[in-house]
Amino acid sequence: MTYPLALELAGNGMPVGGDLYMKLWDVWWFERMQATGQSFYYSKEIFYPLGLDLSFHPASWTTTLVIWALAPLMGVFGAYKLMILVAVFSSAYAAYLLALWLTKNRVAAWFGGAIYSFAPYHLSDLRGHPDLSQLAFIPLAVLCLLLAFKQRRVWMAGLAGILLGLVAWTGLYLFGFAALTLGFVLAYEALIERGWRTQQFWQLCGVFTLAAAALLLPRLLPVFNDRASLEYVIENKFTAYESQADLLSYFVPPPANRLLAPLLGELSNRIAPSISVYPSPYIGWVALLTSLSALLFAKKRKAVWFWGVVAALFLILSLGPALRFAGRVYSQVPLPAVVLIDRVQIFRSVRPILFHIGLLLPLGMLAAFGLDGWLGKLKQTPQVSAGLVVLLATVLFAEYWIGTFSLRPLEASPIYQQIANDENQFAVIDLPMGYGPSKYYLFLQTVHGKPMVEGMSSRMPPNAFDYINGNLLLALWHAEEHLDCTDFKMASMTEAIDALSADGFKYILVHEPVFADYFEGVPITATDPDLTVYALDDLRDFFPCP
């Protein structure tokens, strides 16, 4: 399921996609922060010279710390790929431990762990979103909290709180899903098990809350400190009516599954537009049938129905405020999630399809209960039981396989190393600007190490582009406007160039020939097939306009 990742840890081939460049930058920034003494939540290396508030930046700090620690041994690329393997098997094993405690059946627990970690959505996220793929802390937190209540262990409640805090440092989206799941666990213990009547229940809740708060407050306070910026970030990322899960894609293998998708022909292609940007939320017929069978004959009915309710919640949220089916949104068919997404700000900040991540844990637990029920009915025929397990596992992995990990060499022009070797302090301007190119420029900054005029964060604060928009030349480049000498006075352009020079900018790095009219006749400092470098001072002296 992860081939050929384990065989290529030492190479420079990387699963390019998603937020890979940003995550590599996070590792570089973590080291840079220690060397320069900059604030944990503010960087002057991007959006130079003003810098960027990183309070809303979706860094996976637990993953970043591990990659940074392993990098001296195997390089950043190798450490990053190793973390993908760690995410796969730690998530599966953590879900296995929870399912084993619930079912007391190792085979069923293995099955639940496999569904949790090898679902297509998770396998897709592994390629470029470590903040969404390190799922092990969630089932471990649930397990510890359940053990705390069942065995009256105070230290287990504290460990559950610590694990919830670690989820927040891994990814804020994951924290939201974990908090919802653990909230249901607390409600179950309080109401169904009637724990609210006992003093020990509240004592355990207090220990859990205090332990979680110790790790959560440093991570969440900067996010909620500036209410206006938080509202701006949320509304700027609000895509609930475009990014919900396609109901059909839950039951149709994605086009990336070259084993089953060709058998479905046009049906598989019809869901492709709805999952072209986001991973497929396909849950698989094996997982669906075993989960439904759990509701019919599983031994622990209260636990089964609990996980069924949790699964239903995440399913409803993932479908968003309006029905999407076969790639088409039916806005005239509102869904229950519209109440939360339109009225509760915290839900507006999450793309609905991401709630599918929260669905994976209850889905895995229900499937484990279901298989445990089947094996219980077939316990008198062990050969039939073994054949059933082999058949289900084979079909499951055939359903979940989404192709090999496509690894492409990730390299930078030798020019960037030359810039890095220049010990003088200066900044650079990369062109063209914009959301997409800036992701790649983050990776390039890890090579040349110089401050950049732009940068990238998935959660931009409202004042991020103040400096760019305040400089005539940068504003024109940012708006991708071609040079028109009749539109401005040359004195204004000279003033803009002088301001950039005074602020420490030295080179302009042009990656695509879209701004050729600005550099006609300007001497080239360095060039290769994918990059042309101009000196800012030369632009002043040889500017094309008279």
Protein backbone atom coordinates (compact mmCIF):
# COMPACT_ATOMS: atom_id res chain seq x y z
CA MET A 1 0.00 0.00 0.00
CA THR A 2 3.00 2.33 0.40
CA TYR A 3 5.22 0.95 -2.37
CA PRO A 4 7.91 2.03 -3.26
CA LEU A 5 8.37 4.43 -0.36
CA ALA A 6 10.31 2.17 2.00
CA LEU A 7 12.77 1.27 -0.77
CA GLU A 8 13.63 4.88 -1.62
CA LEU A 9 14.19 6.59 1.72
CA ALA A 10 17.72 7.57 0.74
CA GLY A 11 16.93 9.18 -2.64
CA ASN A 12 15.73 12.66 -3.52
CA GLY A 13 12.45 11.36 -4.94
CA MET A 14 9.53 12.94 -3.08
CA PRO A 15 5.74 12.52 -3.24
CA VAL A 16 5.30 16.01 -4.70
CA GLY A 17 1.83 17.35 -4.09
CA GLY A 18 -0.40 18.84 -1.45
CA ASP A 19 1.52 20.99 1.00
CA LEU A 20 4.86 19.18 0.69
CA TYR A 21 6.83 22.38 0.00
CA MET A 22 5.22 24.11 2.95
CA LYS A 23 5.99 21.23 5.29
CA LEU A 24 9.64 21.15 4.21
CA TRP A 25 9.74 24.89 4.89
CA ASP A 26 8.31 24.31 8.37
CA VAL A 27 11.30 22.09 9.18
CA TRP A 28 13.69 24.73 7.82
CA TRP A 29 11.88 27.48 9.73
CA PHE A 30 12.04 25.47 12.98
CA GLU A 31 15.83 25.35 12.68
CA ARG A 32 16.06 28.97 11.51
CA MET A 33 13.96 30.11 14.45
CA GLN A 34 16.41 28.58 16.89
CA ALA A 35 19.42 30.10 15.10
CA THR A 36 18.00 33.63 14.84
CA GLY A 37 15.94 33.82 18.01
CA GLN A 38 12.80 34.83 16.14
CA SER A 39 9.37 34.38 17.68
CA PHE A 40 7.70 30.98 17.39
CA TYR A 41 4.65 32.66 15.89
CA TYR A 42 6.26 35.25 13.63
CA SER A 43 8.70 34.99 10.74
CA LYS A 44 10.56 37.78 8.95
CA GLU A 45 11.96 35.29 6.45
CA ILE A 46 8.78 35.49 4.35
CA PHE A 47 6.82 38.62 3.42
CA TYR A 48 10.05 40.47 4.16
CA PRO A 49 10.64 43.08 5.55
CA LEU A 50 7.40 43.21 7.57
CA GLY A 51 7.19 39.44 8.13
CA LEU A 52 4.18 37.19 8.62
CA ASP A 53 2.12 36.26 11.66
CA LEU A 54 2.27 32.45 11.88
CA SER A 55 -0.50 32.09 14.48
CA PHE A 56 -2.82 30.72 11.81
CA HIS A 57 -0.15 28.77 9.92
CA PRO A 58 -1.18 25.07 9.70
CA ALA A 59 2.15 23.64 10.77
CA SER A 60 2.34 20.10 12.14
CA TRP A 61 4.81 20.88 14.89
CA THR A 62 5.05 17.34 16.28
CA THR A 63 5.89 16.03 12.81
CA THR A 64 8.23 18.94 12.16
CA LEU A 65 10.13 18.26 15.38
CA VAL A 66 10.65 14.58 14.55
CA ILE A 67 11.76 15.30 10.95
CA TRP A 68 14.15 17.99 12.22
CA ALA A 69 15.62 15.54 14.78
CA LEU A 70 16.07 12.78 12.17
CA ALA A 71 17.41 15.04 9.40
CA PRO A 72 21.08 14.93 10.56
CA LEU A 73 20.95 11.12 10.29
CA MET A 74 19.16 10.63 6.97
CA GLY A 75 18.54 14.05 5.44
CA VAL A 76 15.31 16.03 5.43
CA PHE A 77 13.89 14.11 2.46
CA GLY A 78 14.57 10.72 4.04
CA ALA A 79 13.15 11.84 7.39
CA TYR A 80 10.01 13.17 5.69
CA LYS A 81 9.41 9.88 3.87
CA LEU A 82 10.09 7.89 7.02
CA MET A 83 7.42 9.97 8.78
CA ILE A 84 4.93 8.90 6.12
CA LEU A 85 5.60 5.26 6.98
CA VAL A 86 5.38 6.08 10.68
CA ALA A 87 2.00 7.74 10.08
CA VAL A 88 0.68 4.69 8.24
CA PHE A 89 1.62 2.06 10.77
CA SER A 90 1.31 4.06 14.00
CA SER A 91 -2.23 5.09 13.00
CA ALA A 92 -3.13 1.48 12.17
CA TYR A 93 -1.60 0.15 15.39
CA ALA A 94 -3.23 2.79 17.59
CA ALA A 95 -6.66 1.99 16.13
CA TYR A 96 -5.85 -1.72 16.56
CA LEU A 97 -5.20 -1.20 20.29
CA LEU A 98 -8.51 0.63 20.74
CA ALA A 99 -10.44 -2.00 18.75
CA LEU A 100 -8.72 -4.79 20.67
CA TRP A 101 -9.83 -3.29 23.98
CA LEU A 102 -13.38 -2.92 22.67
CA THR A 103 -13.77 -6.34 21.00
CA LYS A 104 -11.16 -8.53 22.74
CA ASN A 105 -10.58 -10.06 19.29
CA ARG A 106 -7.15 -9.58 17.70
CA VAL A 107 -8.25 -10.45 14.18
CA ALA A 108 -11.21 -8.05 14.28
CA ALA A 109 -9.00 -5.37 15.84
CA TRP A 110 -6.40 -5.78 13.08
CA PHE A 111 -9.19 -5.35 10.55
CA GLY A 112 -10.41 -2.13 12.20
CA GLY A 113 -6.88 -0.72 12.30
CA ALA A 114 -6.38 -1.50 8.61
CA ILE A 115 -9.56 0.37 7.67
CA TYR A 116 -8.58 3.37 9.80
CA SER A 117 -5.14 3.79 8.26
CA PHE A 118 -5.41 2.42 4.72
CA ALA A 119 -8.63 4.16 3.68
CA PRO A 120 -8.05 6.06 0.39
CA TYR A 121 -8.54 9.45 2.06
CA HIS A 122 -5.74 8.76 4.52
CA LEU A 123 -3.40 7.29 1.90
CA SER A 124 -3.91 10.40 -0.24
CA ASP A 125 -3.25 12.80 2.64
CA LEU A 126 0.02 11.01 3.39
CA ARG A 127 1.48 12.39 0.16
CA GLY A 128 1.46 16.02 1.21
CA HIS A 129 -0.48 16.74 4.40
CA PRO A 130 1.32 15.38 7.49
CA ASP A 131 -0.86 17.65 9.61
CA LEU A 132 -3.86 15.60 8.44
CA SER A 133 -2.31 12.12 8.34
CA GLN A 134 -0.68 11.61 11.75
CA LEU A 135 -3.80 10.01 13.21
CA ALA A 136 -2.35 7.81 15.96
CA PHE A 137 -2.93 10.23 18.85
CA ILE A 138 -6.74 10.21 18.40
CA PRO A 139 -7.52 6.52 19.05
CA LEU A 140 -4.88 6.47 21.80
CA ALA A 141 -6.56 9.43 23.52
CA VAL A 142 -9.96 7.71 23.26
CA LEU A 143 -8.49 4.47 24.64
CA CYS A 144 -6.83 6.21 27.58
CA LEU A 145 -10.01 8.12 28.44
CA LEU A 146 -12.12 4.95 28.32
CA LEU A 147 -9.58 3.12 30.50
CA ALA A 148 -9.57 6.02 32.94
CA PHE A 149 -13.33 5.74 33.45
CA LYS A 150 -13.54 1.95 33.47
CA GLN A 151 -10.55 1.35 35.74
CA ARG A 152 -10.71 4.61 37.73
CA ARG A 153 -7.14 5.51 36.85
CA VAL A 154 -6.37 9.19 37.33
CA TRP A 155 -3.07 9.04 35.45
CA MET A 156 -4.86 7.59 32.42
CA ALA A 157 -7.17 10.62 32.36
CA GLY A 158 -4.11 12.87 32.46
CA LEU A 159 -2.48 10.91 29.62
CA ALA A 160 -5.66 11.26 27.54
CA GLY A 161 -5.48 15.03 28.04
CA ILE A 162 -1.82 15.11 27.01
CA LEU A 163 -2.61 13.11 23.87
CA LEU A 164 -5.39 15.55 22.98
CA GLY A 165 -2.89 18.38 23.38
CA LEU A 166 -0.44 16.59 21.09
CA VAL A 167 -3.21 16.31 18.49
CA ALA A 168 -3.51 20.11 18.51
CA TRP A 169 0.24 20.48 17.96
CA THR A 170 -0.02 17.97 15.11
CA GLY A 171 -2.85 19.76 13.31
CA LEU A 172 -5.69 22.06 14.32
CA TYR A 173 -8.14 20.26 12.05
CA LEU A 174 -7.26 16.97 13.72
CA PHE A 175 -7.74 18.63 17.09
CA GLY A 176 -11.29 19.56 16.12
CA PHE A 177 -12.10 16.00 15.08
CA ALA A 178 -10.46 14.57 18.21
CA ALA A 179 -12.31 17.03 20.46
CA LEU A 180 -15.65 16.06 18.89
CA THR A 181 -14.91 12.35 19.34
CA LEU A 182 -13.73 12.71 22.92
CA GLY A 183 -16.71 14.94 23.65
CA PHE A 184 -18.98 12.08 22.64
CA VAL A 185 -16.98 9.72 24.86
CA LEU A 186 -17.48 12.05 27.82
CA ALA A 187 -21.20 12.34 27.05
CA TYR A 188 -21.48 8.54 26.81
CA GLU A 189 -19.77 8.02 30.15
CA ALA A 190 -21.78 10.78 31.81
CA LEU A 191 -25.24 9.93 30.48
CA ILE A 192 -25.34 6.32 29.25
CA GLU A 193 -23.05 4.95 31.97
CA ARG A 194 -24.47 7.52 34.44
CA GLY A 195 -21.04 8.63 35.54
CA TRP A 196 -22.28 12.17 36.27
CA ARG A 197 -23.66 10.89 39.59
CA THR A 198 -20.22 10.03 40.97
CA GLN A 199 -17.57 12.31 42.36
CA GLN A 200 -14.80 10.24 40.76
CA PHE A 201 -16.22 10.89 37.28
CA TRP A 202 -15.85 14.64 37.77
CA GLN A 203 -12.41 14.19 39.28
CA LEU A 204 -11.26 12.29 36.19
CA CYS A 205 -12.82 14.96 33.93
CA GLY A 206 -10.93 17.63 35.86
CA VAL A 207 -7.59 15.86 35.49
CA PHE A 208 -8.25 15.31 31.78
CA THR A 209 -9.15 18.97 31.27
CA LEU A 210 -6.14 20.34 33.16
CA ALA A 211 -3.69 18.06 31.35
CA ALA A 212 -5.16 19.01 27.98
CA ALA A 213 -5.20 22.73 28.82
CA ALA A 214 -1.48 22.71 29.66
CA LEU A 215 -0.68 21.84 26.04
CA LEU A 216 -3.67 23.45 24.34
CA LEU A 217 -3.38 26.99 25.68
CA PRO A 218 0.04 27.78 24.12
CA ARG A 219 -1.22 26.46 20.78
CA LEU A 220 -4.71 27.97 20.72
CA LEU A 221 -4.35 31.32 22.51
CA PRO A 222 -2.44 33.00 19.63
CA VAL A 223 -5.15 31.81 17.24
CA PHE A 224 -8.00 33.30 19.26
CA ASN A 225 -6.08 36.33 20.52
CA ASP A 226 -6.91 38.50 17.49
CA ARG A 227 -10.63 38.06 16.91
CA ALA A 228 -10.76 40.26 13.80
CA SER A 229 -7.92 38.40 12.08
CA LEU A 230 -9.48 35.05 13.01
CA GLU A 231 -12.80 36.04 11.43
CA TYR A 232 -10.97 37.24 8.32
CA VAL A 233 -9.05 33.97 8.00
CA ILE A 234 -12.19 31.87 8.47
CA GLU A 235 -14.27 33.78 5.94
CA ASN A 236 -11.38 33.83 3.48
CA LYS A 237 -11.23 30.01 3.59
CA PHE A 238 -14.98 29.39 3.65
CA THR A 239 -15.78 26.92 0.86
CA ALA A 240 -18.50 24.80 2.42
CA TYR A 241 -20.69 24.90 -0.70
CA GLU A 242 -17.84 23.78 -2.98
CA SER A 243 -15.79 21.38 -0.84
CA GLN A 244 -18.30 18.90 0.55
CA ALA A 245 -17.97 15.17 0.02
CA ASP A 246 -19.73 13.69 -2.98
CA LEU A 247 -22.27 11.14 -1.72
CA LEU A 248 -21.61 8.87 -4.70
CA SER A 249 -17.86 8.89 -4.07
CA TYR A 250 -18.45 7.12 -0.75
CA PHE A 251 -19.53 4.03 -2.68
CA VAL A 252 -17.57 4.21 -5.96
CA PRO A 253 -13.80 3.49 -6.03
CA PRO A 254 -11.81 6.57 -7.10
CA PRO A 255 -10.23 6.76 -10.57
CA ALA A 256 -6.81 6.28 -8.93
CA ASN A 257 -7.78 2.68 -8.15
CA ARG A 258 -6.57 1.03 -11.34
CA LEU A 259 -7.92 -2.36 -10.23
CA LEU A 260 -11.60 -1.53 -9.81
CA ALA A 261 -12.24 1.89 -11.36
CA PRO A 262 -11.87 0.61 -14.98
CA LEU A 263 -14.60 -1.93 -14.27
CA LEU A 264 -17.02 0.88 -13.49
CA GLY A 265 -16.27 2.90 -16.60
CA GLU A 266 -18.18 6.18 -16.80
CA LEU A 267 -19.52 5.93 -13.26
CA SER A 268 -16.05 6.31 -11.78
CA ASN A 269 -15.27 9.24 -14.10
CA ARG A 270 -18.44 11.07 -13.07
CA ILE A 271 -17.15 11.51 -9.53
CA ALA A 272 -13.68 12.57 -10.70
CA PRO A 273 -14.48 16.33 -10.88
CA SER A 274 -15.65 16.32 -7.28
CA ILE A 275 -12.45 14.69 -5.98
CA SER A 276 -9.92 16.26 -8.32
CA VAL A 277 -8.70 18.61 -5.58
CA TYR A 278 -9.56 16.61 -2.47
CA PRO A 279 -8.86 12.95 -1.64
CA SER A 280 -11.60 10.42 -2.29
CA PRO A 281 -13.83 9.65 0.74
CA TYR A 282 -14.50 6.12 -0.54
CA ILE A 283 -15.27 3.88 2.44
CA GLY A 284 -15.38 0.53 0.61
CA TRP A 285 -18.08 -2.12 0.48
CA VAL A 286 -16.24 -4.45 2.83
CA ALA A 287 -16.00 -1.76 5.50
CA LEU A 288 -19.61 -0.75 4.91
CA LEU A 289 -21.02 -4.28 5.13
CA THR A 290 -19.03 -5.25 8.22
CA SER A 291 -20.01 -1.97 9.91
CA LEU A 292 -23.70 -2.46 9.17
CA SER A 293 -23.52 -6.06 10.37
CA ALA A 294 -22.20 -4.77 13.70
CA LEU A 295 -25.53 -3.04 14.25
CA LEU A 296 -27.32 -6.36 13.70
CA PHE A 297 -25.56 -8.90 15.88
CA ALA A 298 -22.56 -7.45 17.72
CA LYS A 299 -22.20 -8.41 21.38
CA LYS A 300 -21.75 -4.95 22.92
CA ARG A 301 -24.76 -3.12 21.58
CA LYS A 302 -24.32 0.08 23.60
CA ALA A 303 -20.74 0.51 22.37
CA VAL A 304 -21.76 -0.31 18.79
CA TRP A 305 -24.56 2.23 18.77
CA PHE A 306 -22.26 4.81 20.34
CA TRP A 307 -19.78 4.45 17.47
CA GLY A 308 -22.67 4.45 15.04
CA VAL A 309 -23.82 7.85 16.33
CA VAL A 310 -20.27 9.26 16.08
CA ALA A 311 -19.98 7.93 12.52
CA ALA A 312 -23.33 9.46 11.59
CA LEU A 313 -22.24 12.86 12.92
CA PHE A 314 -19.04 12.96 10.88
CA LEU A 315 -20.84 11.63 7.80
CA ILE A 316 -23.45 14.41 8.03
CA LEU A 317 -20.77 17.06 8.49
CA SER A 318 -18.67 15.75 5.58
CA LEU A 319 -21.64 16.04 3.20
CA GLY A 320 -21.75 19.77 3.86
CA PRO A 321 -24.71 22.16 3.69
CA ALA A 322 -26.04 20.99 0.30
CA LEU A 323 -26.13 17.63 -1.46
CA ARG A 324 -23.37 16.86 -3.95
CA PHE A 325 -23.98 13.78 -6.08
CA ALA A 326 -22.02 12.54 -9.11
CA GLY A 327 -20.05 15.77 -9.30
CA ARG A 328 -23.09 18.07 -9.23
CA VAL A 329 -24.22 20.23 -6.29
CA TYR A 330 -27.97 20.32 -5.64
CA SER A 331 -28.25 23.58 -3.72
CA GLN A 332 -32.03 23.09 -3.49
CA VAL A 333 -31.43 20.03 -1.28
CA PRO A 334 -30.17 21.38 2.07
CA LEU A 335 -28.59 18.93 4.50
CA PRO A 336 -28.52 18.98 8.33
CA ALA A 337 -24.97 20.35 8.40
CA VAL A 338 -26.22 23.69 7.03
CA VAL A 339 -27.31 24.67 10.55
CA LEU A 340 -23.82 24.26 12.00
CA ILE A 341 -21.83 25.50 9.00
CA ASP A 342 -23.87 28.66 8.53
CA ARG A 343 -24.25 29.57 12.19
CA VAL A 344 -21.25 28.24 14.14
CA GLN A 345 -18.02 30.00 13.21
CA ILE A 346 -15.70 27.15 14.14
CA PHE A 347 -17.45 24.84 11.65
CA ARG A 348 -17.15 27.48 8.93
CA SER A 349 -13.37 27.19 9.16
CA VAL A 350 -13.35 23.52 8.10
CA ARG A 351 -13.90 22.31 4.54
CA PRO A 352 -16.73 19.77 4.95
CA ILE A 353 -14.93 16.92 3.19
CA LEU A 354 -12.23 17.06 5.87
CA PHE A 355 -14.73 15.69 8.38
CA HIS A 356 -14.24 12.38 6.60
CA ILE A 357 -11.04 12.07 8.62
CA GLY A 358 -13.16 11.98 11.78
CA LEU A 359 -15.38 9.30 10.21
CA LEU A 360 -12.48 6.86 9.79
CA LEU A 361 -12.16 5.96 13.48
CA PRO A 362 -15.83 5.07 14.13
CA LEU A 363 -15.89 3.28 10.77
CA GLY A 364 -12.90 1.14 11.79
CA MET A 365 -14.41 0.39 15.22
CA LEU A 366 -17.79 -0.58 13.73
CA ALA A 367 -16.08 -2.85 11.18
CA ALA A 368 -14.12 -4.49 14.01
CA PHE A 369 -17.35 -5.10 15.94
CA GLY A 370 -18.98 -6.48 12.81
CA LEU A 371 -16.19 -8.90 12.00
CA ASP A 372 -16.07 -9.96 15.65
CA GLY A 373 -19.77 -10.80 15.38
CA TRP A 374 -19.25 -12.85 12.23
CA LEU A 375 -16.32 -14.74 13.72
CA GLY A 376 -18.38 -15.42 16.83
CA LYS A 377 -21.08 -17.04 14.74
CA LEU A 378 -18.51 -19.11 12.83
CA LYS A 379 -16.39 -20.15 15.81
CA GLN A 380 -17.37 -23.80 15.34
CA THR A 381 -15.91 -23.76 11.81
CA PRO A 382 -12.40 -22.31 12.06
CA GLN A 383 -11.57 -23.03 8.44
CA VAL A 384 -14.57 -21.02 7.29
CA SER A 385 -13.59 -18.21 9.68
CA ALA A 386 -10.05 -18.12 8.30
CA GLY A 387 -11.34 -18.14 4.74
CA LEU A 388 -13.71 -15.27 5.50
CA VAL A 389 -10.92 -13.15 7.01
CA VAL A 390 -8.60 -13.77 4.05
CA LEU A 391 -11.38 -12.96 1.58
CA LEU A 392 -12.42 -9.76 3.36
CA ALA A 393 -8.81 -8.56 3.75
CA THR A 394 -8.03 -9.25 0.10
CA VAL A 395 -11.08 -7.39 -1.14
CA LEU A 396 -10.50 -4.55 1.34
CA PHE A 397 -6.98 -3.84 0.14
CA ALA A 398 -8.05 -4.17 -3.49
CA GLU A 399 -10.75 -1.57 -2.80
CA TYR A 400 -8.42 0.77 -0.92
CA TRP A 401 -5.40 0.65 -3.21
CA ILE A 402 -4.93 3.96 -5.03
CA GLY A 403 -1.72 3.20 -6.89
CA THR A 404 1.93 3.40 -5.99
CA PHE A 405 3.43 6.45 -4.34
CA SER A 406 4.61 8.56 -7.27
CA LEU A 407 8.05 9.91 -6.33
CA ARG A 408 9.66 12.66 -8.39
CA PRO A 409 13.16 14.08 -7.93
CA LEU A 410 13.00 17.31 -5.96
CA GLU A 411 15.94 19.49 -6.97
CA ALA A 412 16.85 23.16 -7.07
CA SER A 413 18.92 25.10 -9.59
CA PRO A 414 22.64 25.42 -8.70
CA ILE A 415 22.03 29.18 -8.76
CA TYR A 416 20.26 28.89 -5.40
CA GLN A 417 23.33 27.33 -3.84
CA GLN A 418 25.41 30.21 -5.21
CA ILE A 419 23.01 32.65 -3.54
CA ALA A 420 23.25 30.67 -0.33
CA ASN A 421 27.05 30.88 -0.42
CA ASP A 422 26.91 34.69 -0.51
CA GLU A 423 27.46 35.64 3.12
CA ASN A 424 26.06 39.14 2.66
CA GLN A 425 22.64 39.85 4.10
CA PHE A 426 20.00 40.54 1.44
CA ALA A 427 16.53 39.54 0.29
CA VAL A 428 15.14 38.25 -3.01
CA ILE A 429 12.01 38.71 -5.11
CA ASP A 430 10.53 35.66 -6.86
CA LEU A 431 8.33 36.11 -9.94
CA PRO A 432 5.59 35.37 -10.74
CA MET A 433 3.88 35.86 -7.40
CA GLY A 434 0.76 34.05 -6.25
CA TYR A 435 -0.58 31.18 -4.16
CA GLY A 436 0.69 28.31 -6.33
CA PRO A 437 4.21 29.51 -7.19
CA SER A 438 4.85 30.70 -3.64
CA LYS A 439 4.50 27.16 -2.31
CA TYR A 440 7.44 26.13 -4.48
CA TYR A 441 9.41 29.23 -3.49
CA LEU A 442 9.17 28.09 0.14
CA PHE A 443 11.11 24.97 -0.77
CA LEU A 444 13.65 27.05 -2.69
CA GLN A 445 14.14 29.24 0.37
CA THR A 446 15.24 26.16 2.31
CA VAL A 447 18.12 25.99 -0.20
CA HIS A 448 19.19 29.64 -0.59
CA GLY A 449 18.23 30.75 2.94
CA LYS A 450 17.53 34.40 2.08
CA PRO A 451 14.40 36.37 3.07
CA MET A 452 11.68 36.61 0.39
CA VAL A 453 9.25 39.39 -0.43
CA GLU A 454 6.36 36.93 -0.56
CA GLY A 455 5.72 33.51 0.92
CA MET A 456 2.89 31.16 1.65
CA SER A 457 0.59 30.10 4.43
CA SER A 458 -2.74 28.39 4.02
CA ARG A 459 -4.17 30.84 6.54
CA MET A 460 -3.14 34.37 5.57
CA PRO A 461 -3.72 37.18 8.09
CA PRO A 462 -5.39 40.30 6.62
CA ASN A 463 -2.25 42.47 6.56
CA ALA A 464 0.04 39.95 4.83
CA PHE A 465 0.31 41.89 1.56
CA ASP A 466 0.60 45.42 3.00
CA TYR A 467 4.22 45.84 1.95
CA ILE A 468 3.71 44.38 -1.53
CA ASN A 469 0.66 46.51 -2.23
CA GLY A 470 2.44 49.57 -0.87
CA ASN A 471 5.24 49.41 -3.45
CA LEU A 472 4.34 50.39 -7.03
CA LEU A 473 6.59 47.84 -8.73
CA LEU A 474 5.63 44.94 -6.44
CA ALA A 475 1.95 45.81 -6.73
CA LEU A 476 2.15 45.64 -10.53
CA TRP A 477 3.93 42.28 -10.39
CA HIS A 478 1.50 40.93 -7.83
CA ALA A 479 -1.43 41.95 -10.05
CA GLU A 480 0.37 40.40 -13.06
CA GLU A 481 0.07 43.63 -15.02
CA HIS A 482 2.24 44.11 -18.09
CA LEU A 483 4.50 47.13 -18.33
CA ASP A 484 2.88 50.22 -19.85
CA CYS A 485 5.19 53.22 -19.83
CA THR A 486 2.27 55.61 -20.32
CA ASP A 487 0.60 54.59 -17.07
CA PHE A 488 3.10 56.06 -14.63
CA LYS A 489 5.92 58.51 -14.25
CA MET A 490 9.42 57.10 -14.33
CA ALA A 491 10.19 58.96 -11.11
CA SER A 492 7.57 56.84 -9.32
CA MET A 493 9.14 53.64 -10.59
CA THR A 494 12.63 54.78 -9.60
CA GLU A 495 11.29 55.60 -6.16
CA ALA A 496 9.80 52.09 -5.87
CA ILE A 497 13.09 50.46 -6.89
CA ASP A 498 15.07 52.65 -4.48
CA ALA A 499 12.72 51.69 -1.65
CA LEU A 500 13.26 47.99 -2.37
CA SER A 501 17.02 48.48 -2.47
CA ALA A 502 16.95 50.39 0.81
CA ASP A 503 15.04 47.53 2.43
CA GLY A 504 17.75 45.06 1.44
CA PHE A 505 16.48 43.45 -1.76
CA LYS A 506 19.25 42.47 -4.17
CA TYR A 507 18.05 39.93 -6.76
CA ILE A 508 14.91 39.33 -8.82
CA LEU A 509 14.41 35.65 -9.61
CA VAL A 510 12.19 35.18 -12.68
CA HIS A 511 10.88 31.61 -13.01
CA GLU A 512 8.60 32.14 -16.01
CA PRO A 513 8.95 34.60 -18.92
CA VAL A 514 5.71 36.40 -18.07
CA PHE A 515 7.38 39.68 -17.11
CA ALA A 516 9.76 39.98 -20.05
CA ASP A 517 8.61 43.55 -20.79
CA TYR A 518 9.97 44.75 -17.43
CA PHE A 519 13.45 43.37 -18.13
CA GLU A 520 14.01 44.20 -21.80
CA GLY A 521 17.61 45.33 -22.05
CA VAL A 522 18.38 44.67 -18.37
CA PRO A 523 21.64 42.69 -17.91
CA ILE A 524 21.19 39.09 -16.80
CA THR A 525 23.10 38.23 -13.64
CA ALA A 526 22.65 34.45 -13.96
CA THR A 527 20.48 32.07 -15.93
CA ASP A 528 19.61 28.42 -16.46
CA PRO A 529 16.72 26.80 -18.40
CA ASP A 530 14.23 27.38 -15.57
CA LEU A 531 15.45 30.58 -13.95
CA THR A 532 16.70 34.04 -14.90
CA VAL A 533 18.30 36.29 -12.28
CA TYR A 534 18.44 40.07 -12.46
CA ALA A 535 20.12 42.48 -10.04
CA LEU A 536 17.76 45.10 -8.62
CA ASP A 537 20.32 47.86 -9.13
CA ASP A 538 20.59 46.94 -12.83
CA LEU A 539 16.83 47.25 -13.16
CA ARG A 540 17.08 50.84 -11.97
CA ASP A 541 19.82 51.67 -14.46
CA PHE A 542 18.36 49.83 -17.47
CA PHE A 543 14.61 50.13 -16.91
CA PRO A 544 12.84 49.83 -20.30
CA CYS A 545 10.76 53.01 -19.93
CA PRO A 546 12.50 56.32 -20.79
